[in-house]
Amino acid sequence: MPPKTSSPKKKGVDFEQSLSTLESLVTRMEQGDMTLEESLQAFEAGIALTRECQTRLAAAEQQVNKLIEQQGNISLEPFHADEGDA
């Protein structure tokens, strides 16, 4: 039961860790020195990490949309990361 209690606090860190792990897997696979079995395992892990990251990003987008709605905007606008940089 303690993992359930600590999981909400770790979501941001878990996303960053998942992304870092995914980047490491890609780098290792691109080097070409893995066996076929290692490559398949890395590919499976990469797919799982990609899905996990996509799920977390979708949840974050929904949370941003909800925050926009709470600020009194009449229409709900999707979050676009590149607009925040300008």
PDB file of N, CA and C in Angstrom:
ATOM      1  N   MET A   1       0.794  -1.211   0.000  1.00  0.00           N
ATOM      2  CA  MET A   1       0.000   0.000   0.000  1.00  0.00           C
ATOM      3  C   MET A   1       0.839   1.279   0.000  1.00  0.00           C
ATOM      4  N   PRO A   2       2.044   1.335   0.563  1.00  0.00           N
ATOM      5  CA  PRO A   2       2.856   2.542   0.506  1.00  0.00           C
ATOM      6  C   PRO A   2       3.147   3.025  -0.909  1.00  0.00           C
ATOM      7  N   PRO A   3       3.319   2.148  -1.929  1.00  0.00           N
ATOM      8  CA  PRO A   3       3.551   2.661  -3.279  1.00  0.00           C
ATOM      9  C   PRO A   3       2.400   3.506  -3.785  1.00  0.00           C
ATOM     10  N   LYS A   4       1.146   3.175  -3.418  1.00  0.00           N
ATOM     11  CA  LYS A   4       0.006   3.969  -3.854  1.00  0.00           C
ATOM     12  C   LYS A   4       0.033   5.351  -3.222  1.00  0.00           C
ATOM     13  N   THR A   5       0.479   5.436  -1.983  1.00  0.00           N
ATOM     14  CA  THR A   5       0.537   6.705  -1.286  1.00  0.00           C
ATOM     15  C   THR A   5       1.592   7.618  -1.888  1.00  0.00           C
ATOM     16  N   SER A   6       2.733   7.056  -2.303  1.00  0.00           N
ATOM     17  CA  SER A   6       3.827   7.866  -2.801  1.00  0.00           C
ATOM     18  C   SER A   6       3.764   8.102  -4.302  1.00  0.00           C
ATOM     19  N   SER A   7       2.933   7.370  -5.060  1.00  0.00           N
ATOM     20  CA  SER A   7       2.911   7.503  -6.505  1.00  0.00           C
ATOM     21  C   SER A   7       2.484   8.878  -7.008  1.00  0.00           C
ATOM     22  N   PRO A   8       1.491   9.576  -6.418  1.00  0.00           N
ATOM     23  CA  PRO A   8       1.137  10.897  -6.932  1.00  0.00           C
ATOM     24  C   PRO A   8       2.285  11.886  -6.836  1.00  0.00           C
ATOM     25  N   LYS A   9       3.107  11.803  -5.815  1.00  0.00           N
ATOM     26  CA  LYS A   9       4.227  12.708  -5.658  1.00  0.00           C
ATOM     27  C   LYS A   9       5.314  12.435  -6.691  1.00  0.00           C
ATOM     28  N   LYS A  10       5.440  11.195  -7.150  1.00  0.00           N
ATOM     29  CA  LYS A  10       6.532  10.798  -8.017  1.00  0.00           C
ATOM     30  C   LYS A  10       6.189  10.855  -9.498  1.00  0.00           C
ATOM     31  N   LYS A  11       4.967  11.248  -9.893  1.00  0.00           N
ATOM     32  CA  LYS A  11       4.576  11.204 -11.301  1.00  0.00           C
ATOM     33  C   LYS A  11       5.497  12.023 -12.188  1.00  0.00           C
ATOM     34  N   GLY A  12       5.834  13.261 -11.797  1.00  0.00           N
ATOM     35  CA  GLY A  12       6.719  14.091 -12.595  1.00  0.00           C
ATOM     36  C   GLY A  12       8.098  13.477 -12.716  1.00  0.00           C
ATOM     37  N   VAL A  13       8.613  12.985 -11.617  1.00  0.00           N
ATOM     38  CA  VAL A  13       9.920  12.357 -11.607  1.00  0.00           C
ATOM     39  C   VAL A  13       9.882  11.077 -12.431  1.00  0.00           C
ATOM     40  N   ASP A  14       8.826  10.304 -12.306  1.00  0.00           N
ATOM     41  CA  ASP A  14       8.715   9.068 -13.065  1.00  0.00           C
ATOM     42  C   ASP A  14       8.691   9.333 -14.563  1.00  0.00           C
ATOM     43  N   PHE A  15       8.019  10.418 -14.982  1.00  0.00           N
ATOM     44  CA  PHE A  15       7.992  10.754 -16.399  1.00  0.00           C
ATOM     45  C   PHE A  15       9.398  11.069 -16.882  1.00  0.00           C
ATOM     46  N   GLU A  16      10.108  11.889 -16.133  1.00  0.00           N
ATOM     47  CA  GLU A  16      11.479  12.247 -16.516  1.00  0.00           C
ATOM     48  C   GLU A  16      12.381  11.019 -16.522  1.00  0.00           C
ATOM     49  N   GLN A  17      12.230  10.149 -15.549  1.00  0.00           N
ATOM     50  CA  GLN A  17      13.026   8.927 -15.490  1.00  0.00           C
ATOM     51  C   GLN A  17      12.681   8.013 -16.658  1.00  0.00           C
ATOM     52  N   SER A  18      11.400   7.905 -16.985  1.00  0.00           N
ATOM     53  CA  SER A  18      10.975   7.066 -18.101  1.00  0.00           C
ATOM     54  C   SER A  18      11.542   7.591 -19.410  1.00  0.00           C
ATOM     55  N   LEU A  19      11.498   8.887 -19.589  1.00  0.00           N
ATOM     56  CA  LEU A  19      12.028   9.500 -20.804  1.00  0.00           C
ATOM     57  C   LEU A  19      13.540   9.303 -20.902  1.00  0.00           C
ATOM     58  N   SER A  20      14.221   9.462 -19.799  1.00  0.00           N
ATOM     59  CA  SER A  20      15.673   9.262 -19.770  1.00  0.00           C
ATOM     60  C   SER A  20      16.030   7.809 -20.079  1.00  0.00           C
ATOM     61  N   THR A  21      15.278   6.887 -19.503  1.00  0.00           N
ATOM     62  CA  THR A  21      15.503   5.469 -19.763  1.00  0.00           C
ATOM     63  C   THR A  21      15.247   5.145 -21.228  1.00  0.00           C
ATOM     64  N   LEU A  22      14.198   5.718 -21.791  1.00  0.00           N
ATOM     65  CA  LEU A  22      13.879   5.514 -23.199  1.00  0.00           C
ATOM     66  C   LEU A  22      15.004   6.040 -24.082  1.00  0.00           C
ATOM     67  N   GLU A  23      15.515   7.216 -23.777  1.00  0.00           N
ATOM     68  CA  GLU A  23      16.620   7.779 -24.546  1.00  0.00           C
ATOM     69  C   GLU A  23      17.859   6.890 -24.460  1.00  0.00           C
ATOM     70  N   SER A  24      18.125   6.347 -23.292  1.00  0.00           N
ATOM     71  CA  SER A  24      19.275   5.445 -23.118  1.00  0.00           C
ATOM     72  C   SER A  24      19.102   4.175 -23.946  1.00  0.00           C
ATOM     73  N   LEU A  25      17.891   3.635 -23.950  1.00  0.00           N
ATOM     74  CA  LEU A  25      17.619   2.435 -24.750  1.00  0.00           C
ATOM     75  C   LEU A  25      17.849   2.701 -26.230  1.00  0.00           C
ATOM     76  N   VAL A  26      17.360   3.832 -26.706  1.00  0.00           N
ATOM     77  CA  VAL A  26      17.527   4.178 -28.118  1.00  0.00           C
ATOM     78  C   VAL A  26      19.005   4.308 -28.447  1.00  0.00           C
ATOM     79  N   THR A  27      19.751   4.977 -27.600  1.00  0.00           N
ATOM     80  CA  THR A  27      21.187   5.149 -27.822  1.00  0.00           C
ATOM     81  C   THR A  27      21.897   3.795 -27.889  1.00  0.00           C
ATOM     82  N   ARG A  28      21.587   2.922 -26.957  1.00  0.00           N
ATOM     83  CA  ARG A  28      22.208   1.590 -26.941  1.00  0.00           C
ATOM     84  C   ARG A  28      21.859   0.808 -28.199  1.00  0.00           C
ATOM     85  N   MET A  29      20.593   0.901 -28.617  1.00  0.00           N
ATOM     86  CA  MET A  29      20.176   0.155 -29.806  1.00  0.00           C
ATOM     87  C   MET A  29      20.839   0.716 -31.064  1.00  0.00           C
ATOM     88  N   GLU A  30      21.007   2.019 -31.122  1.00  0.00           N
ATOM     89  CA  GLU A  30      21.636   2.642 -32.285  1.00  0.00           C
ATOM     90  C   GLU A  30      23.112   2.284 -32.404  1.00  0.00           C
ATOM     91  N   GLN A  31      23.746   1.967 -31.293  1.00  0.00           N
ATOM     92  CA  GLN A  31      25.154   1.581 -31.325  1.00  0.00           C
ATOM     93  C   GLN A  31      25.355   0.247 -32.032  1.00  0.00           C
ATOM     94  N   GLY A  32      24.337  -0.593 -32.036  1.00  0.00           N
ATOM     95  CA  GLY A  32      24.386  -1.849 -32.775  1.00  0.00           C
ATOM     96  C   GLY A  32      25.208  -2.958 -32.144  1.00  0.00           C
ATOM     97  N   ASP A  33      25.582  -2.828 -30.883  1.00  0.00           N
ATOM     98  CA  ASP A  33      26.392  -3.873 -30.258  1.00  0.00           C
ATOM     99  C   ASP A  33      25.585  -4.788 -29.337  1.00  0.00           C
ATOM    100  N   MET A  34      24.262  -4.761 -29.469  1.00  0.00           N
ATOM    101  CA  MET A  34      23.408  -5.629 -28.670  1.00  0.00           C
ATOM    102  C   MET A  34      23.098  -6.899 -29.453  1.00  0.00           C
ATOM    103  N   THR A  35      22.890  -7.970 -28.724  1.00  0.00           N
ATOM    104  CA  THR A  35      22.466  -9.204 -29.378  1.00  0.00           C
ATOM    105  C   THR A  35      21.011  -9.046 -29.833  1.00  0.00           C
ATOM    106  N   LEU A  36      20.557  -9.962 -30.649  1.00  0.00           N
ATOM    107  CA  LEU A  36      19.174  -9.910 -31.116  1.00  0.00           C
ATOM    108  C   LEU A  36      18.212  -9.964 -29.942  1.00  0.00           C
ATOM    109  N   GLU A  37      18.468 -10.851 -29.013  1.00  0.00           N
ATOM    110  CA  GLU A  37      17.598 -10.990 -27.834  1.00  0.00           C
ATOM    111  C   GLU A  37      17.592  -9.696 -27.012  1.00  0.00           C
ATOM    112  N   GLU A  38      18.759  -9.108 -26.800  1.00  0.00           N
ATOM    113  CA  GLU A  38      18.841  -7.853 -26.054  1.00  0.00           C
ATOM    114  C   GLU A  38      18.103  -6.735 -26.796  1.00  0.00           C
ATOM    115  N   SER A  39      18.237  -6.722 -28.099  1.00  0.00           N
ATOM    116  CA  SER A  39      17.555  -5.709 -28.910  1.00  0.00           C
ATOM    117  C   SER A  39      16.045  -5.852 -28.811  1.00  0.00           C
ATOM    118  N   LEU A  40      15.564  -7.082 -28.865  1.00  0.00           N
ATOM    119  CA  LEU A  40      14.121  -7.314 -28.749  1.00  0.00           C
ATOM    120  C   LEU A  40      13.595  -6.887 -27.379  1.00  0.00           C
ATOM    121  N   GLN A  41      14.358  -7.217 -26.339  1.00  0.00           N
ATOM    122  CA  GLN A  41      13.954  -6.828 -24.985  1.00  0.00           C
ATOM    123  C   GLN A  41      13.967  -5.310 -24.837  1.00  0.00           C
ATOM    124  N   ALA A  42      14.982  -4.669 -25.396  1.00  0.00           N
ATOM    125  CA  ALA A  42      15.071  -3.214 -25.336  1.00  0.00           C
ATOM    126  C   ALA A  42      13.922  -2.583 -26.114  1.00  0.00           C
ATOM    127  N   PHE A  43      13.588  -3.160 -27.265  1.00  0.00           N
ATOM    128  CA  PHE A  43      12.484  -2.644 -28.067  1.00  0.00           C
ATOM    129  C   PHE A  43      11.168  -2.758 -27.313  1.00  0.00           C
ATOM    130  N   GLU A  44      10.930  -3.909 -26.681  1.00  0.00           N
ATOM    131  CA  GLU A  44       9.717  -4.089 -25.874  1.00  0.00           C
ATOM    132  C   GLU A  44       9.646  -3.078 -24.744  1.00  0.00           C
ATOM    133  N   ALA A  45      10.768  -2.904 -24.051  1.00  0.00           N
ATOM    134  CA  ALA A  45      10.811  -1.941 -22.949  1.00  0.00           C
ATOM    135  C   ALA A  45      10.571  -0.526 -23.475  1.00  0.00           C
ATOM    136  N   GLY A  46      11.135  -0.222 -24.627  1.00  0.00           N
ATOM    137  CA  GLY A  46      10.953   1.093 -25.232  1.00  0.00           C
ATOM    138  C   GLY A  46       9.512   1.365 -25.594  1.00  0.00           C
ATOM    139  N   ILE A  47       8.842   0.373 -26.146  1.00  0.00           N
ATOM    140  CA  ILE A  47       7.426   0.528 -26.492  1.00  0.00           C
ATOM    141  C   ILE A  47       6.607   0.782 -25.221  1.00  0.00           C
ATOM    142  N   ALA A  48       6.878   0.028 -24.170  1.00  0.00           N
ATOM    143  CA  ALA A  48       6.154   0.208 -22.909  1.00  0.00           C
ATOM    144  C   ALA A  48       6.409   1.602 -22.333  1.00  0.00           C
ATOM    145  N   LEU A  49       7.656   2.058 -22.377  1.00  0.00           N
ATOM    146  CA  LEU A  49       7.979   3.386 -21.866  1.00  0.00           C
ATOM    147  C   LEU A  49       7.326   4.485 -22.705  1.00  0.00           C
ATOM    148  N   THR A  50       7.292   4.285 -24.017  1.00  0.00           N
ATOM    149  CA  THR A  50       6.661   5.260 -24.902  1.00  0.00           C
ATOM    150  C   THR A  50       5.178   5.385 -24.585  1.00  0.00           C
ATOM    151  N   ARG A  51       4.511   4.267 -24.414  1.00  0.00           N
ATOM    152  CA  ARG A  51       3.080   4.299 -24.075  1.00  0.00           C
ATOM    153  C   ARG A  51       2.843   4.959 -22.731  1.00  0.00           C
ATOM    154  N   GLU A  52       3.694   4.663 -21.783  1.00  0.00           N
ATOM    155  CA  GLU A  52       3.572   5.250 -20.449  1.00  0.00           C
ATOM    156  C   GLU A  52       3.745   6.774 -20.519  1.00  0.00           C
ATOM    157  N   CYS A  53       4.742   7.223 -21.260  1.00  0.00           N
ATOM    158  CA  CYS A  53       4.975   8.657 -21.400  1.00  0.00           C
ATOM    159  C   CYS A  53       3.818   9.336 -22.128  1.00  0.00           C
ATOM    160  N   GLN A  54       3.297   8.713 -23.162  1.00  0.00           N
ATOM    161  CA  GLN A  54       2.168   9.283 -23.897  1.00  0.00           C
ATOM    162  C   GLN A  54       0.938   9.410 -22.999  1.00  0.00           C
ATOM    163  N   THR A  55       0.703   8.411 -22.171  1.00  0.00           N
ATOM    164  CA  THR A  55      -0.426   8.437 -21.242  1.00  0.00           C
ATOM    165  C   THR A  55      -0.273   9.590 -20.254  1.00  0.00           C
ATOM    166  N   ARG A  56       0.927   9.751 -19.729  1.00  0.00           N
ATOM    167  CA  ARG A  56       1.164  10.829 -18.765  1.00  0.00           C
ATOM    168  C   ARG A  56       1.049  12.199 -19.418  1.00  0.00           C
ATOM    169  N   LEU A  57       1.519  12.326 -20.656  1.00  0.00           N
ATOM    170  CA  LEU A  57       1.389  13.594 -21.366  1.00  0.00           C
ATOM    171  C   LEU A  57      -0.073  13.926 -21.642  1.00  0.00           C
ATOM    172  N   ALA A  58      -0.853  12.924 -22.009  1.00  0.00           N
ATOM    173  CA  ALA A  58      -2.285  13.138 -22.251  1.00  0.00           C
ATOM    174  C   ALA A  58      -2.982  13.574 -20.962  1.00  0.00           C
ATOM    175  N   ALA A  59      -2.611  12.969 -19.845  1.00  0.00           N
ATOM    176  CA  ALA A  59      -3.199  13.353 -18.560  1.00  0.00           C
ATOM    177  C   ALA A  59      -2.809  14.778 -18.192  1.00  0.00           C
ATOM    178  N   ALA A  60      -1.577  15.150 -18.469  1.00  0.00           N
ATOM    179  CA  ALA A  60      -1.122  16.509 -18.187  1.00  0.00           C
ATOM    180  C   ALA A  60      -1.872  17.511 -19.055  1.00  0.00           C
ATOM    181  N   GLU A  61      -2.112  17.173 -20.316  1.00  0.00           N
ATOM    182  CA  GLU A  61      -2.860  18.059 -21.213  1.00  0.00           C
ATOM    183  C   GLU A  61      -4.281  18.259 -20.708  1.00  0.00           C
ATOM    184  N   GLN A  62      -4.901  17.191 -20.237  1.00  0.00           N
ATOM    185  CA  GLN A  62      -6.252  17.302 -19.684  1.00  0.00           C
ATOM    186  C   GLN A  62      -6.256  18.201 -18.452  1.00  0.00           C
ATOM    187  N   GLN A  63      -5.217  18.079 -17.631  1.00  0.00           N
ATOM    188  CA  GLN A  63      -5.130  18.905 -16.434  1.00  0.00           C
ATOM    189  C   GLN A  63      -4.959  20.373 -16.818  1.00  0.00           C
ATOM    190  N   VAL A  64      -4.145  20.666 -17.835  1.00  0.00           N
ATOM    191  CA  VAL A  64      -3.972  22.043 -18.299  1.00  0.00           C
ATOM    192  C   VAL A  64      -5.291  22.580 -18.831  1.00  0.00           C
ATOM    193  N   ASN A  65      -5.996  21.789 -19.625  1.00  0.00           N
ATOM    194  CA  ASN A  65      -7.299  22.212 -20.138  1.00  0.00           C
ATOM    195  C   ASN A  65      -8.264  22.514 -18.994  1.00  0.00           C
ATOM    196  N   LYS A  66      -8.234  21.694 -17.974  1.00  0.00           N
ATOM    197  CA  LYS A  66      -9.105  21.900 -16.826  1.00  0.00           C
ATOM    198  C   LYS A  66      -8.736  23.200 -16.117  1.00  0.00           C
ATOM    199  N   LEU A  67      -7.454  23.484 -15.976  1.00  0.00           N
ATOM    200  CA  LEU A  67      -7.019  24.713 -15.329  1.00  0.00           C
ATOM    201  C   LEU A  67      -7.449  25.930 -16.137  1.00  0.00           C
ATOM    202  N   ILE A  68      -7.367  25.852 -17.449  1.00  0.00           N
ATOM    203  CA  ILE A  68      -7.805  26.947 -18.313  1.00  0.00           C
ATOM    204  C   ILE A  68      -9.294  27.200 -18.099  1.00  0.00           C
ATOM    205  N   GLU A  69     -10.075  26.143 -18.023  1.00  0.00           N
ATOM    206  CA  GLU A  69     -11.511  26.260 -17.823  1.00  0.00           C
ATOM    207  C   GLU A  69     -11.801  26.898 -16.466  1.00  0.00           C
ATOM    208  N   GLN A  70     -11.055  26.575 -15.451  1.00  0.00           N
ATOM    209  CA  GLN A  70     -11.272  27.111 -14.118  1.00  0.00           C
ATOM    210  C   GLN A  70     -10.946  28.602 -14.047  1.00  0.00           C
ATOM    211  N   GLN A  71     -10.150  29.101 -14.965  1.00  0.00           N
ATOM    212  CA  GLN A  71      -9.800  30.520 -14.965  1.00  0.00           C
ATOM    213  C   GLN A  71     -10.879  31.369 -15.617  1.00  0.00           C
ATOM    214  N   GLY A  72     -11.987  30.789 -16.023  1.00  0.00           N
ATOM    215  CA  GLY A  72     -13.111  31.534 -16.524  1.00  0.00           C
ATOM    216  C   GLY A  72     -13.176  31.692 -18.026  1.00  0.00           C
ATOM    217  N   ASN A  73     -12.345  31.017 -18.772  1.00  0.00           N
ATOM    218  CA  ASN A  73     -12.423  31.085 -20.229  1.00  0.00           C
ATOM    219  C   ASN A  73     -13.730  30.460 -20.695  1.00  0.00           C
ATOM    220  N   ILE A  74     -14.346  31.089 -21.687  1.00  0.00           N
ATOM    221  CA  ILE A  74     -15.610  30.597 -22.213  1.00  0.00           C
ATOM    222  C   ILE A  74     -15.397  29.300 -22.990  1.00  0.00           C
ATOM    223  N   SER A  75     -14.369  29.264 -23.826  1.00  0.00           N
ATOM    224  CA  SER A  75     -14.098  28.056 -24.600  1.00  0.00           C
ATOM    225  C   SER A  75     -12.816  27.407 -24.106  1.00  0.00           C
ATOM    226  N   LEU A  76     -12.789  26.121 -24.236  1.00  0.00           N
ATOM    227  CA  LEU A  76     -11.643  25.336 -23.804  1.00  0.00           C
ATOM    228  C   LEU A  76     -10.665  25.231 -24.955  1.00  0.00           C
ATOM    229  N   GLU A  77      -9.434  25.676 -24.760  1.00  0.00           N
ATOM    230  CA  GLU A  77      -8.431  25.635 -25.805  1.00  0.00           C
ATOM    231  C   GLU A  77      -7.383  24.590 -25.456  1.00  0.00           C
ATOM    232  N   PRO A  78      -6.960  23.782 -26.437  1.00  0.00           N
ATOM    233  CA  PRO A  78      -5.923  22.794 -26.170  1.00  0.00           C
ATOM    234  C   PRO A  78      -4.596  23.460 -25.883  1.00  0.00           C
ATOM    235  N   PHE A  79      -3.790  22.812 -25.093  1.00  0.00           N
ATOM    236  CA  PHE A  79      -2.470  23.302 -24.739  1.00  0.00           C
ATOM    237  C   PHE A  79      -1.502  23.004 -25.865  1.00  0.00           C
ATOM    238  N   HIS A  80      -0.737  24.024 -26.286  1.00  0.00           N
ATOM    239  CA  HIS A  80       0.316  23.849 -27.289  1.00  0.00           C
ATOM    240  C   HIS A  80       1.609  24.354 -26.685  1.00  0.00           C
ATOM    241  N   ALA A  81       2.590  23.482 -26.522  1.00  0.00           N
ATOM    242  CA  ALA A  81       3.845  23.830 -25.859  1.00  0.00           C
ATOM    243  C   ALA A  81       4.573  24.970 -26.551  1.00  0.00           C
ATOM    244  N   ASP A  82       4.539  25.039 -27.881  1.00  0.00           N
ATOM    245  CA  ASP A  82       5.285  26.069 -28.595  1.00  0.00           C
ATOM    246  C   ASP A  82       4.704  27.460 -28.393  1.00  0.00           C
ATOM    247  N   GLU A  83       3.438  27.596 -28.034  1.00  0.00           N
ATOM    248  CA  GLU A  83       2.829  28.895 -27.789  1.00  0.00           C
ATOM    249  C   GLU A  83       3.325  29.503 -26.478  1.00  0.00           C
ATOM    250  N   GLY A  84       3.675  28.678 -25.516  1.00  0.00           N
ATOM    251  CA  GLY A  84       4.152  29.167 -24.235  1.00  0.00           C
ATOM    252  C   GLY A  84       5.535  29.772 -24.310  1.00  0.00           C
ATOM    253  N   ASP A  85       6.309  29.439 -25.350  1.00  0.00           N
ATOM    254  CA  ASP A  85       7.671  29.927 -25.492  1.00  0.00           C
ATOM    255  C   ASP A  85       7.731  31.326 -26.069  1.00  0.00           C
ATOM    256  N   ALA A  86       6.698  31.747 -26.775  1.00  0.00           N
ATOM    257  CA  ALA A  86       6.723  33.043 -27.458  1.00  0.00           C
ATOM    258  C   ALA A  86       6.518  34.204 -26.529  1.00  0.00           C
TER     259      ALA A  86
END
